[in-house]
Amino acid sequence: MAGVDSRSLVAEHRDRIGLLHVKDMGPEGEIATVGEGTIDFPAIFAAAGDAVHWYAVERDPIDDPGYDPFGPSAAGLAYLQSVDF
């Protein structure tokens, strides 16, 4: 969305990245639960290398007073635990 190739950016700065903010999006740029969108996380994580020790999963809330942020957070964590990179 930002017009920058994420893999190239993290590869260029991999020695400075200890944490990655992980947030996914759908095909139209809409918010998506991590692992259910279009972002190629395994490629980005591989480009970042071994210096990353923390992955912060974020899923913005939707306009719903009953929104439960824990479901998407747990789904994002499960996705990260299942990905090989």
PDB file of N, CA and C in Angstrom:
ATOM      1  N   MET A   1       0.817  -1.196   0.000  1.00  0.00           N
ATOM      2  CA  MET A   1       0.000   0.000   0.000  1.00  0.00           C
ATOM      3  C   MET A   1       0.861   1.259   0.000  1.00  0.00           C
ATOM      4  N   ALA A   2       2.004   1.202   0.639  1.00  0.00           N
ATOM      5  CA  ALA A   2       2.841   2.397   0.762  1.00  0.00           C
ATOM      6  C   ALA A   2       3.700   2.629  -0.474  1.00  0.00           C
ATOM      7  N   GLY A   3       3.664   1.693  -1.410  1.00  0.00           N
ATOM      8  CA  GLY A   3       4.466   1.856  -2.614  1.00  0.00           C
ATOM      9  C   GLY A   3       5.910   1.434  -2.448  1.00  0.00           C
ATOM     10  N   VAL A   4       6.204   0.681  -1.402  1.00  0.00           N
ATOM     11  CA  VAL A   4       7.558   0.207  -1.129  1.00  0.00           C
ATOM     12  C   VAL A   4       7.519  -1.317  -1.059  1.00  0.00           C
ATOM     13  N   ASP A   5       8.509  -1.967  -1.643  1.00  0.00           N
ATOM     14  CA  ASP A   5       8.596  -3.419  -1.557  1.00  0.00           C
ATOM     15  C   ASP A   5       9.080  -3.795  -0.150  1.00  0.00           C
ATOM     16  N   SER A   6       8.198  -4.396   0.610  1.00  0.00           N
ATOM     17  CA  SER A   6       8.503  -4.731   2.012  1.00  0.00           C
ATOM     18  C   SER A   6       9.713  -5.630   2.146  1.00  0.00           C
ATOM     19  N   ARG A   7       9.834  -6.608   1.260  1.00  0.00           N
ATOM     20  CA  ARG A   7      10.976  -7.531   1.344  1.00  0.00           C
ATOM     21  C   ARG A   7      12.295  -6.792   1.171  1.00  0.00           C
ATOM     22  N   SER A   8      12.354  -5.907   0.193  1.00  0.00           N
ATOM     23  CA  SER A   8      13.589  -5.145  -0.040  1.00  0.00           C
ATOM     24  C   SER A   8      13.904  -4.228   1.128  1.00  0.00           C
ATOM     25  N   LEU A   9      12.868  -3.593   1.665  1.00  0.00           N
ATOM     26  CA  LEU A   9      13.069  -2.664   2.772  1.00  0.00           C
ATOM     27  C   LEU A   9      13.614  -3.374   4.001  1.00  0.00           C
ATOM     28  N   VAL A  10      12.993  -4.498   4.382  1.00  0.00           N
ATOM     29  CA  VAL A  10      13.486  -5.188   5.577  1.00  0.00           C
ATOM     30  C   VAL A  10      14.838  -5.841   5.326  1.00  0.00           C
ATOM     31  N   ALA A  11      15.081  -6.305   4.116  1.00  0.00           N
ATOM     32  CA  ALA A  11      16.394  -6.880   3.805  1.00  0.00           C
ATOM     33  C   ALA A  11      17.489  -5.820   3.919  1.00  0.00           C
ATOM     34  N   GLU A  12      17.190  -4.616   3.460  1.00  0.00           N
ATOM     35  CA  GLU A  12      18.163  -3.521   3.515  1.00  0.00           C
ATOM     36  C   GLU A  12      18.491  -3.117   4.951  1.00  0.00           C
ATOM     37  N   HIS A  13      17.511  -3.214   5.834  1.00  0.00           N
ATOM     38  CA  HIS A  13      17.692  -2.759   7.222  1.00  0.00           C
ATOM     39  C   HIS A  13      17.643  -3.901   8.231  1.00  0.00           C
ATOM     40  N   ARG A  14      17.848  -5.118   7.765  1.00  0.00           N
ATOM     41  CA  ARG A  14      17.673  -6.297   8.622  1.00  0.00           C
ATOM     42  C   ARG A  14      18.531  -6.277   9.882  1.00  0.00           C
ATOM     43  N   ASP A  15      19.674  -5.632   9.845  1.00  0.00           N
ATOM     44  CA  ASP A  15      20.532  -5.585  11.029  1.00  0.00           C
ATOM     45  C   ASP A  15      20.007  -4.608  12.087  1.00  0.00           C
ATOM     46  N   ARG A  16      18.966  -3.845  11.749  1.00  0.00           N
ATOM     47  CA  ARG A  16      18.401  -2.865  12.682  1.00  0.00           C
ATOM     48  C   ARG A  16      17.001  -3.248  13.154  1.00  0.00           C
ATOM     49  N   ILE A  17      16.481  -4.386  12.688  1.00  0.00           N
ATOM     50  CA  ILE A  17      15.090  -4.746  12.973  1.00  0.00           C
ATOM     51  C   ILE A  17      15.040  -5.875  13.996  1.00  0.00           C
ATOM     52  N   GLY A  18      14.577  -5.545  15.185  1.00  0.00           N
ATOM     53  CA  GLY A  18      14.406  -6.550  16.229  1.00  0.00           C
ATOM     54  C   GLY A  18      12.949  -6.924  16.427  1.00  0.00           C
ATOM     55  N   LEU A  19      12.041  -6.092  15.872  1.00  0.00           N
ATOM     56  CA  LEU A  19      10.609  -6.311  16.022  1.00  0.00           C
ATOM     57  C   LEU A  19       9.926  -5.966  14.703  1.00  0.00           C
ATOM     58  N   LEU A  20       8.990  -6.806  14.296  1.00  0.00           N
ATOM     59  CA  LEU A  20       8.175  -6.503  13.123  1.00  0.00           C
ATOM     60  C   LEU A  20       6.723  -6.339  13.552  1.00  0.00           C
ATOM     61  N   HIS A  21       6.115  -5.267  13.096  1.00  0.00           N
ATOM     62  CA  HIS A  21       4.696  -4.993  13.325  1.00  0.00           C
ATOM     63  C   HIS A  21       3.946  -5.699  12.203  1.00  0.00           C
ATOM     64  N   VAL A  22       3.191  -6.728  12.550  1.00  0.00           N
ATOM     65  CA  VAL A  22       2.549  -7.602  11.568  1.00  0.00           C
ATOM     66  C   VAL A  22       1.073  -7.238  11.455  1.00  0.00           C
ATOM     67  N   LYS A  23       0.686  -6.787  10.269  1.00  0.00           N
ATOM     68  CA  LYS A  23      -0.684  -6.352  10.020  1.00  0.00           C
ATOM     69  C   LYS A  23      -1.038  -6.750   8.598  1.00  0.00           C
ATOM     70  N   ASP A  24      -2.195  -7.328   8.389  1.00  0.00           N
ATOM     71  CA  ASP A  24      -2.568  -7.853   7.074  1.00  0.00           C
ATOM     72  C   ASP A  24      -3.654  -6.996   6.430  1.00  0.00           C
ATOM     73  N   MET A  25      -3.812  -7.167   5.117  1.00  0.00           N
ATOM     74  CA  MET A  25      -4.865  -6.454   4.400  1.00  0.00           C
ATOM     75  C   MET A  25      -5.439  -7.353   3.313  1.00  0.00           C
ATOM     76  N   GLY A  26      -6.689  -7.076   2.959  1.00  0.00           N
ATOM     77  CA  GLY A  26      -7.369  -7.822   1.912  1.00  0.00           C
ATOM     78  C   GLY A  26      -7.022  -7.278   0.540  1.00  0.00           C
ATOM     79  N   PRO A  27      -7.597  -7.855  -0.507  1.00  0.00           N
ATOM     80  CA  PRO A  27      -7.261  -7.478  -1.884  1.00  0.00           C
ATOM     81  C   PRO A  27      -7.620  -6.048  -2.260  1.00  0.00           C
ATOM     82  N   GLU A  28      -8.559  -5.454  -1.550  1.00  0.00           N
ATOM     83  CA  GLU A  28      -8.956  -4.069  -1.835  1.00  0.00           C
ATOM     84  C   GLU A  28      -8.324  -3.085  -0.852  1.00  0.00           C
ATOM     85  N   GLY A  29      -7.357  -3.558  -0.061  1.00  0.00           N
ATOM     86  CA  GLY A  29      -6.701  -2.706   0.923  1.00  0.00           C
ATOM     87  C   GLY A  29      -7.422  -2.641   2.254  1.00  0.00           C
ATOM     88  N   GLU A  30      -8.465  -3.434   2.403  1.00  0.00           N
ATOM     89  CA  GLU A  30      -9.219  -3.433   3.655  1.00  0.00           C
ATOM     90  C   GLU A  30      -8.462  -4.205   4.737  1.00  0.00           C
ATOM     91  N   ILE A  31      -8.823  -3.935   5.972  1.00  0.00           N
ATOM     92  CA  ILE A  31      -8.208  -4.600   7.118  1.00  0.00           C
ATOM     93  C   ILE A  31      -8.543  -6.089   7.089  1.00  0.00           C
ATOM     94  N   ALA A  32      -7.548  -6.916   7.376  1.00  0.00           N
ATOM     95  CA  ALA A  32      -7.754  -8.364   7.427  1.00  0.00           C
ATOM     96  C   ALA A  32      -7.009  -8.939   8.620  1.00  0.00           C
ATOM     97  N   THR A  33      -7.499 -10.043   9.119  1.00  0.00           N
ATOM     98  CA  THR A  33      -6.816 -10.757  10.191  1.00  0.00           C
ATOM     99  C   THR A  33      -5.502 -11.313   9.644  1.00  0.00           C
ATOM    100  N   VAL A  34      -4.445 -11.228  10.431  1.00  0.00           N
ATOM    101  CA  VAL A  34      -3.128 -11.713  10.008  1.00  0.00           C
ATOM    102  C   VAL A  34      -3.242 -13.171   9.557  1.00  0.00           C
ATOM    103  N   GLY A  35      -2.758 -13.424   8.334  1.00  0.00           N
ATOM    104  CA  GLY A  35      -2.802 -14.762   7.763  1.00  0.00           C
ATOM    105  C   GLY A  35      -3.989 -14.985   6.848  1.00  0.00           C
ATOM    106  N   GLU A  36      -4.949 -14.074   6.862  1.00  0.00           N
ATOM    107  CA  GLU A  36      -6.140 -14.212   6.025  1.00  0.00           C
ATOM    108  C   GLU A  36      -6.158 -13.206   4.882  1.00  0.00           C
ATOM    109  N   GLY A  37      -5.138 -12.390   4.792  1.00  0.00           N
ATOM    110  CA  GLY A  37      -5.090 -11.349   3.763  1.00  0.00           C
ATOM    111  C   GLY A  37      -4.113 -11.677   2.653  1.00  0.00           C
ATOM    112  N   THR A  38      -3.556 -10.648   2.060  1.00  0.00           N
ATOM    113  CA  THR A  38      -2.726 -10.789   0.869  1.00  0.00           C
ATOM    114  C   THR A  38      -1.231 -10.604   1.103  1.00  0.00           C
ATOM    115  N   ILE A  39      -0.824 -10.247   2.306  1.00  0.00           N
ATOM    116  CA  ILE A  39       0.591  -9.986   2.584  1.00  0.00           C
ATOM    117  C   ILE A  39       1.367 -11.308   2.603  1.00  0.00           C
ATOM    118  N   ASP A  40       2.507 -11.331   1.916  1.00  0.00           N
ATOM    119  CA  ASP A  40       3.356 -12.529   1.866  1.00  0.00           C
ATOM    120  C   ASP A  40       4.332 -12.492   3.042  1.00  0.00           C
ATOM    121  N   PHE A  41       3.823 -12.829   4.220  1.00  0.00           N
ATOM    122  CA  PHE A  41       4.648 -12.755   5.425  1.00  0.00           C
ATOM    123  C   PHE A  41       5.864 -13.673   5.400  1.00  0.00           C
ATOM    124  N   PRO A  42       5.770 -14.920   4.936  1.00  0.00           N
ATOM    125  CA  PRO A  42       6.981 -15.753   4.933  1.00  0.00           C
ATOM    126  C   PRO A  42       8.137 -15.109   4.164  1.00  0.00           C
ATOM    127  N   ALA A  43       7.848 -14.471   3.035  1.00  0.00           N
ATOM    128  CA  ALA A  43       8.909 -13.817   2.261  1.00  0.00           C
ATOM    129  C   ALA A  43       9.488 -12.617   3.008  1.00  0.00           C
ATOM    130  N   ILE A  44       8.632 -11.851   3.658  1.00  0.00           N
ATOM    131  CA  ILE A  44       9.094 -10.686   4.426  1.00  0.00           C
ATOM    132  C   ILE A  44       9.918 -11.139   5.623  1.00  0.00           C
ATOM    133  N   PHE A  45       9.426 -12.157   6.335  1.00  0.00           N
ATOM    134  CA  PHE A  45      10.158 -12.653   7.506  1.00  0.00           C
ATOM    135  C   PHE A  45      11.519 -13.213   7.108  1.00  0.00           C
ATOM    136  N   ALA A  46      11.566 -13.930   6.005  1.00  0.00           N
ATOM    137  CA  ALA A  46      12.845 -14.479   5.529  1.00  0.00           C
ATOM    138  C   ALA A  46      13.801 -13.355   5.162  1.00  0.00           C
ATOM    139  N   ALA A  47      13.284 -12.307   4.539  1.00  0.00           N
ATOM    140  CA  ALA A  47      14.133 -11.169   4.162  1.00  0.00           C
ATOM    141  C   ALA A  47      14.659 -10.445   5.393  1.00  0.00           C
ATOM    142  N   ALA A  48      13.874 -10.431   6.467  1.00  0.00           N
ATOM    143  CA  ALA A  48      14.290  -9.746   7.692  1.00  0.00           C
ATOM    144  C   ALA A  48      15.406 -10.493   8.409  1.00  0.00           C
ATOM    145  N   GLY A  49      15.443 -11.792   8.262  1.00  0.00           N
ATOM    146  CA  GLY A  49      16.525 -12.567   8.859  1.00  0.00           C
ATOM    147  C   GLY A  49      16.328 -12.897  10.318  1.00  0.00           C
ATOM    148  N   ASP A  50      17.409 -13.344  10.940  1.00  0.00           N
ATOM    149  CA  ASP A  50      17.378 -13.855  12.308  1.00  0.00           C
ATOM    150  C   ASP A  50      17.399 -12.795  13.393  1.00  0.00           C
ATOM    151  N   ALA A  51      17.586 -11.534  13.031  1.00  0.00           N
ATOM    152  CA  ALA A  51      17.663 -10.489  14.044  1.00  0.00           C
ATOM    153  C   ALA A  51      16.314 -10.183  14.673  1.00  0.00           C
ATOM    154  N   VAL A  52      15.228 -10.558  14.002  1.00  0.00           N
ATOM    155  CA  VAL A  52      13.892 -10.300  14.541  1.00  0.00           C
ATOM    156  C   VAL A  52      13.603 -11.281  15.673  1.00  0.00           C
ATOM    157  N   HIS A  53      13.245 -10.719  16.821  1.00  0.00           N
ATOM    158  CA  HIS A  53      12.937 -11.539  17.989  1.00  0.00           C
ATOM    159  C   HIS A  53      11.478 -11.417  18.410  1.00  0.00           C
ATOM    160  N   TRP A  54      10.813 -10.377  17.916  1.00  0.00           N
ATOM    161  CA  TRP A  54       9.428 -10.115  18.318  1.00  0.00           C
ATOM    162  C   TRP A  54       8.583  -9.804  17.092  1.00  0.00           C
ATOM    163  N   TYR A  55       7.365 -10.299  17.116  1.00  0.00           N
ATOM    164  CA  TYR A  55       6.381 -10.030  16.068  1.00  0.00           C
ATOM    165  C   TYR A  55       5.123  -9.511  16.761  1.00  0.00           C
ATOM    166  N   ALA A  56       4.778  -8.269  16.538  1.00  0.00           N
ATOM    167  CA  ALA A  56       3.592  -7.667  17.146  1.00  0.00           C
ATOM    168  C   ALA A  56       2.438  -7.773  16.158  1.00  0.00           C
ATOM    169  N   VAL A  57       1.439  -8.582  16.508  1.00  0.00           N
ATOM    170  CA  VAL A  57       0.272  -8.793  15.648  1.00  0.00           C
ATOM    171  C   VAL A  57      -0.762  -7.714  15.946  1.00  0.00           C
ATOM    172  N   GLU A  58      -1.268  -7.091  14.875  1.00  0.00           N
ATOM    173  CA  GLU A  58      -2.314  -6.086  15.050  1.00  0.00           C
ATOM    174  C   GLU A  58      -3.472  -6.382  14.111  1.00  0.00           C
ATOM    175  N   ARG A  59      -4.648  -6.205  14.619  1.00  0.00           N
ATOM    176  CA  ARG A  59      -5.875  -6.273  13.804  1.00  0.00           C
ATOM    177  C   ARG A  59      -6.742  -5.127  14.260  1.00  0.00           C
ATOM    178  N   ASP A  60      -6.855  -4.093  13.430  1.00  0.00           N
ATOM    179  CA  ASP A  60      -7.679  -2.941  13.786  1.00  0.00           C
ATOM    180  C   ASP A  60      -9.122  -3.375  14.004  1.00  0.00           C
ATOM    181  N   PRO A  61      -9.792  -2.731  14.943  1.00  0.00           N
ATOM    182  CA  PRO A  61     -11.198  -3.076  15.169  1.00  0.00           C
ATOM    183  C   PRO A  61     -12.076  -2.598  14.007  1.00  0.00           C
ATOM    184  N   ILE A  62     -13.180  -3.254  13.850  1.00  0.00           N
ATOM    185  CA  ILE A  62     -14.162  -2.823  12.879  1.00  0.00           C
ATOM    186  C   ILE A  62     -15.217  -2.005  13.617  1.00  0.00           C
ATOM    187  N   ASP A  63     -16.038  -1.287  12.879  1.00  0.00           N
ATOM    188  CA  ASP A  63     -17.076  -0.475  13.521  1.00  0.00           C
ATOM    189  C   ASP A  63     -18.210  -1.374  14.002  1.00  0.00           C
ATOM    190  N   ASP A  64     -17.940  -2.041  15.114  1.00  0.00           N
ATOM    191  CA  ASP A  64     -18.906  -2.956  15.687  1.00  0.00           C
ATOM    192  C   ASP A  64     -18.715  -2.925  17.195  1.00  0.00           C
ATOM    193  N   PRO A  65     -19.708  -2.470  17.940  1.00  0.00           N
ATOM    194  CA  PRO A  65     -19.554  -2.386  19.400  1.00  0.00           C
ATOM    195  C   PRO A  65     -19.273  -3.735  20.057  1.00  0.00           C
ATOM    196  N   GLY A  66     -19.632  -4.828  19.406  1.00  0.00           N
ATOM    197  CA  GLY A  66     -19.393  -6.148  19.974  1.00  0.00           C
ATOM    198  C   GLY A  66     -18.108  -6.791  19.494  1.00  0.00           C
ATOM    199  N   TYR A  67     -17.266  -6.019  18.813  1.00  0.00           N
ATOM    200  CA  TYR A  67     -16.015  -6.556  18.263  1.00  0.00           C
ATOM    201  C   TYR A  67     -15.148  -7.143  19.369  1.00  0.00           C
ATOM    202  N   ASP A  68     -14.675  -8.351  19.151  1.00  0.00           N
ATOM    203  CA  ASP A  68     -13.801  -9.030  20.102  1.00  0.00           C
ATOM    204  C   ASP A  68     -12.394  -9.098  19.511  1.00  0.00           C
ATOM    205  N   PRO A  69     -11.448  -8.316  20.012  1.00  0.00           N
ATOM    206  CA  PRO A  69     -10.104  -8.300  19.426  1.00  0.00           C
ATOM    207  C   PRO A  69      -9.304  -9.574  19.701  1.00  0.00           C
ATOM    208  N   PHE A  70      -9.734 -10.373  20.657  1.00  0.00           N
ATOM    209  CA  PHE A  70      -8.955 -11.551  21.017  1.00  0.00           C
ATOM    210  C   PHE A  70      -9.046 -12.665  19.983  1.00  0.00           C
ATOM    211  N   GLY A  71     -10.180 -12.791  19.309  1.00  0.00           N
ATOM    212  CA  GLY A  71     -10.322 -13.808  18.267  1.00  0.00           C
ATOM    213  C   GLY A  71      -9.331 -13.600  17.136  1.00  0.00           C
ATOM    214  N   PRO A  72      -9.301 -12.405  16.519  1.00  0.00           N
ATOM    215  CA  PRO A  72      -8.322 -12.156  15.463  1.00  0.00           C
ATOM    216  C   PRO A  72      -6.874 -12.210  15.968  1.00  0.00           C
ATOM    217  N   SER A  73      -6.638 -11.807  17.202  1.00  0.00           N
ATOM    218  CA  SER A  73      -5.283 -11.880  17.755  1.00  0.00           C
ATOM    219  C   SER A  73      -4.834 -13.330  17.876  1.00  0.00           C
ATOM    220  N   ALA A  74      -5.713 -14.184  18.372  1.00  0.00           N
ATOM    221  CA  ALA A  74      -5.394 -15.609  18.505  1.00  0.00           C
ATOM    222  C   ALA A  74      -5.201 -16.244  17.130  1.00  0.00           C
ATOM    223  N   ALA A  75      -6.029 -15.856  16.155  1.00  0.00           N
ATOM    224  CA  ALA A  75      -5.889 -16.387  14.794  1.00  0.00           C
ATOM    225  C   ALA A  75      -4.563 -15.942  14.177  1.00  0.00           C
ATOM    226  N   GLY A  76      -4.181 -14.685  14.403  1.00  0.00           N
ATOM    227  CA  GLY A  76      -2.906 -14.188  13.893  1.00  0.00           C
ATOM    228  C   GLY A  76      -1.727 -14.913  14.515  1.00  0.00           C
ATOM    229  N   LEU A  77      -1.795 -15.163  15.818  1.00  0.00           N
ATOM    230  CA  LEU A  77      -0.736 -15.908  16.500  1.00  0.00           C
ATOM    231  C   LEU A  77      -0.645 -17.328  15.952  1.00  0.00           C
ATOM    232  N   ALA A  78      -1.786 -17.974  15.776  1.00  0.00           N
ATOM    233  CA  ALA A  78      -1.786 -19.336  15.230  1.00  0.00           C
ATOM    234  C   ALA A  78      -1.167 -19.353  13.836  1.00  0.00           C
ATOM    235  N   TYR A  79      -1.481 -18.343  13.032  1.00  0.00           N
ATOM    236  CA  TYR A  79      -0.886 -18.260  11.698  1.00  0.00           C
ATOM    237  C   TYR A  79       0.638 -18.128  11.806  1.00  0.00           C
ATOM    238  N   LEU A  80       1.108 -17.208  12.653  1.00  0.00           N
ATOM    239  CA  LEU A  80       2.563 -17.010  12.783  1.00  0.00           C
ATOM    240  C   LEU A  80       3.257 -18.290  13.249  1.00  0.00           C
ATOM    241  N   GLN A  81       2.609 -19.028  14.120  1.00  0.00           N
ATOM    242  CA  GLN A  81       3.208 -20.274  14.604  1.00  0.00           C
ATOM    243  C   GLN A  81       3.236 -21.354  13.539  1.00  0.00           C
ATOM    244  N   SER A  82       2.416 -21.212  12.515  1.00  0.00           N
ATOM    245  CA  SER A  82       2.356 -22.235  11.471  1.00  0.00           C
ATOM    246  C   SER A  82       3.223 -21.933  10.248  1.00  0.00           C
ATOM    247  N   VAL A  83       3.777 -20.727  10.179  1.00  0.00           N
ATOM    248  CA  VAL A  83       4.508 -20.307   8.985  1.00  0.00           C
ATOM    249  C   VAL A  83       5.975 -20.711   9.082  1.00  0.00           C
ATOM    250  N   ASP A  84       6.496 -21.235   7.991  1.00  0.00           N
ATOM    251  CA  ASP A  84       7.930 -21.529   7.912  1.00  0.00           C
ATOM    252  C   ASP A  84       8.624 -20.401   7.160  1.00  0.00           C
ATOM    253  N   PHE A  85       9.747 -19.939   7.713  1.00  0.00           N
ATOM    254  CA  PHE A  85      10.541 -18.910   7.041  1.00  0.00           C
ATOM    255  C   PHE A  85      11.970 -18.998   7.499  1.00  0.00           C
TER     256      PHE A  85
END
